[in-house]
Amino acid sequence: MPIVTIQQFLRAVAQKRELAKRITDAFSDVYGADPVSGQVLFQEVGQEK
């Protein structure tokens, strides 16, 4: 399973969890891999004012 890195502005924890679940499910479905073998990493950047 791959390692997916997402760069984004600040988001709620619940949103990040849902996104990570959907990405993991998609890779698992397409690659037929065990979902626990993948990693989804979030790199949050501050939003400019």
N, C-alpha and C. Protein backbone atom coordinates (compact mmCIF):
# COMPACT_ATOMS: atom_id res chain seq x y z
N MET A 1 0.85 -1.18 0.00
CA MET A 1 0.00 0.00 0.00
C MET A 1 0.89 1.23 0.00
N PRO A 2 0.47 2.25 -0.67
CA PRO A 2 1.29 3.46 -0.75
C PRO A 2 1.19 4.34 0.48
N ILE A 3 2.05 5.33 0.47
CA ILE A 3 2.00 6.39 1.46
C ILE A 3 1.45 7.62 0.75
N VAL A 4 0.36 8.17 1.25
CA VAL A 4 -0.28 9.33 0.64
C VAL A 4 -0.03 10.53 1.55
N THR A 5 0.51 11.61 1.00
CA THR A 5 0.72 12.84 1.76
C THR A 5 -0.20 13.92 1.23
N ILE A 6 -0.94 14.54 2.13
CA ILE A 6 -1.89 15.59 1.76
C ILE A 6 -1.42 16.90 2.38
N GLN A 7 -1.25 17.90 1.54
CA GLN A 7 -0.94 19.24 2.04
C GLN A 7 -2.21 20.06 1.95
N GLN A 8 -2.59 20.67 3.06
CA GLN A 8 -3.86 21.40 3.08
C GLN A 8 -3.85 22.46 4.16
N PHE A 9 -4.84 23.35 4.08
CA PHE A 9 -5.06 24.30 5.15
C PHE A 9 -5.67 23.55 6.33
N LEU A 10 -5.72 24.17 7.47
CA LEU A 10 -6.23 23.55 8.69
C LEU A 10 -7.67 23.04 8.50
N ARG A 11 -7.90 21.83 8.98
CA ARG A 11 -9.23 21.21 8.91
C ARG A 11 -9.52 20.53 10.24
N ALA A 12 -10.78 20.26 10.47
CA ALA A 12 -11.21 19.56 11.68
C ALA A 12 -10.72 18.11 11.67
N VAL A 13 -10.50 17.57 12.84
CA VAL A 13 -10.02 16.19 12.96
C VAL A 13 -11.01 15.22 12.31
N ALA A 14 -12.29 15.44 12.50
CA ALA A 14 -13.30 14.55 11.93
C ALA A 14 -13.22 14.54 10.40
N GLN A 15 -12.95 15.68 9.80
CA GLN A 15 -12.81 15.76 8.34
C GLN A 15 -11.58 14.98 7.88
N LYS A 16 -10.48 15.13 8.59
CA LYS A 16 -9.26 14.41 8.23
C LYS A 16 -9.45 12.90 8.36
N ARG A 17 -10.13 12.49 9.41
CA ARG A 17 -10.38 11.05 9.59
C ARG A 17 -11.22 10.49 8.46
N GLU A 18 -12.26 11.23 8.08
CA GLU A 18 -13.14 10.77 7.00
C GLU A 18 -12.37 10.70 5.68
N LEU A 19 -11.57 11.70 5.39
CA LEU A 19 -10.79 11.71 4.16
C LEU A 19 -9.80 10.55 4.14
N ALA A 20 -9.11 10.33 5.26
CA ALA A 20 -8.15 9.23 5.35
C ALA A 20 -8.85 7.88 5.14
N LYS A 21 -10.03 7.73 5.70
CA LYS A 21 -10.78 6.48 5.53
C LYS A 21 -11.15 6.26 4.07
N ARG A 22 -11.63 7.30 3.42
CA ARG A 22 -12.04 7.16 2.02
C ARG A 22 -10.85 6.87 1.10
N ILE A 23 -9.74 7.52 1.35
CA ILE A 23 -8.53 7.27 0.55
C ILE A 23 -8.05 5.84 0.77
N THR A 24 -8.02 5.41 2.03
CA THR A 24 -7.60 4.05 2.35
C THR A 24 -8.51 3.03 1.69
N ASP A 25 -9.82 3.26 1.75
CA ASP A 25 -10.78 2.34 1.12
C ASP A 25 -10.57 2.27 -0.39
N ALA A 26 -10.31 3.41 -1.01
CA ALA A 26 -10.11 3.43 -2.46
C ALA A 26 -8.87 2.63 -2.85
N PHE A 27 -7.75 2.84 -2.16
CA PHE A 27 -6.54 2.08 -2.47
C PHE A 27 -6.75 0.59 -2.22
N SER A 28 -7.43 0.27 -1.15
CA SER A 28 -7.70 -1.12 -0.82
C SER A 28 -8.54 -1.78 -1.91
N ASP A 29 -9.58 -1.09 -2.37
CA ASP A 29 -10.45 -1.62 -3.41
C ASP A 29 -9.71 -1.81 -4.73
N VAL A 30 -8.93 -0.82 -5.13
CA VAL A 30 -8.25 -0.86 -6.43
C VAL A 30 -7.08 -1.82 -6.42
N TYR A 31 -6.27 -1.79 -5.36
CA TYR A 31 -5.07 -2.61 -5.30
C TYR A 31 -5.28 -3.96 -4.64
N GLY A 32 -6.42 -4.15 -3.97
CA GLY A 32 -6.67 -5.40 -3.27
C GLY A 32 -5.75 -5.61 -2.08
N ALA A 33 -5.27 -4.51 -1.52
CA ALA A 33 -4.33 -4.58 -0.40
C ALA A 33 -5.06 -4.48 0.93
N ASP A 34 -4.39 -4.96 1.96
CA ASP A 34 -4.91 -4.85 3.33
C ASP A 34 -4.92 -3.37 3.73
N PRO A 35 -6.05 -2.83 4.17
CA PRO A 35 -6.12 -1.40 4.51
C PRO A 35 -5.10 -0.95 5.56
N VAL A 36 -4.70 -1.81 6.46
CA VAL A 36 -3.76 -1.39 7.50
C VAL A 36 -2.33 -1.25 6.97
N SER A 37 -2.10 -1.64 5.72
CA SER A 37 -0.74 -1.54 5.18
C SER A 37 -0.44 -0.17 4.57
N GLY A 38 -1.43 0.70 4.51
CA GLY A 38 -1.23 2.03 3.94
C GLY A 38 -1.10 3.11 4.99
N GLN A 39 -0.62 4.27 4.54
CA GLN A 39 -0.49 5.41 5.44
C GLN A 39 -1.01 6.66 4.73
N VAL A 40 -1.76 7.45 5.46
CA VAL A 40 -2.21 8.75 4.96
C VAL A 40 -1.67 9.79 5.93
N LEU A 41 -0.85 10.69 5.40
CA LEU A 41 -0.20 11.72 6.22
C LEU A 41 -0.74 13.09 5.85
N PHE A 42 -1.01 13.89 6.85
CA PHE A 42 -1.51 15.24 6.63
C PHE A 42 -0.43 16.24 7.02
N GLN A 43 -0.17 17.15 6.11
CA GLN A 43 0.74 18.28 6.41
C GLN A 43 -0.10 19.53 6.29
N GLU A 44 -0.35 20.16 7.41
CA GLU A 44 -1.20 21.35 7.42
C GLU A 44 -0.36 22.60 7.39
N VAL A 45 -0.80 23.52 6.57
CA VAL A 45 -0.13 24.80 6.45
C VAL A 45 -1.08 25.90 6.90
N GLY A 46 -0.54 26.97 7.45
CA GLY A 46 -1.38 28.08 7.88
C GLY A 46 -1.98 28.79 6.69
N GLN A 47 -3.19 29.22 6.85
CA GLN A 47 -3.87 29.95 5.79
C GLN A 47 -3.45 31.41 5.85
N GLU A 48 -3.13 31.96 4.68
CA GLU A 48 -2.71 33.36 4.64
C GLU A 48 -3.87 34.28 4.97
N LYS A 49 -3.57 35.39 5.65
CA LYS A 49 -4.62 36.34 6.02
C LYS A 49 -4.49 37.60 5.21
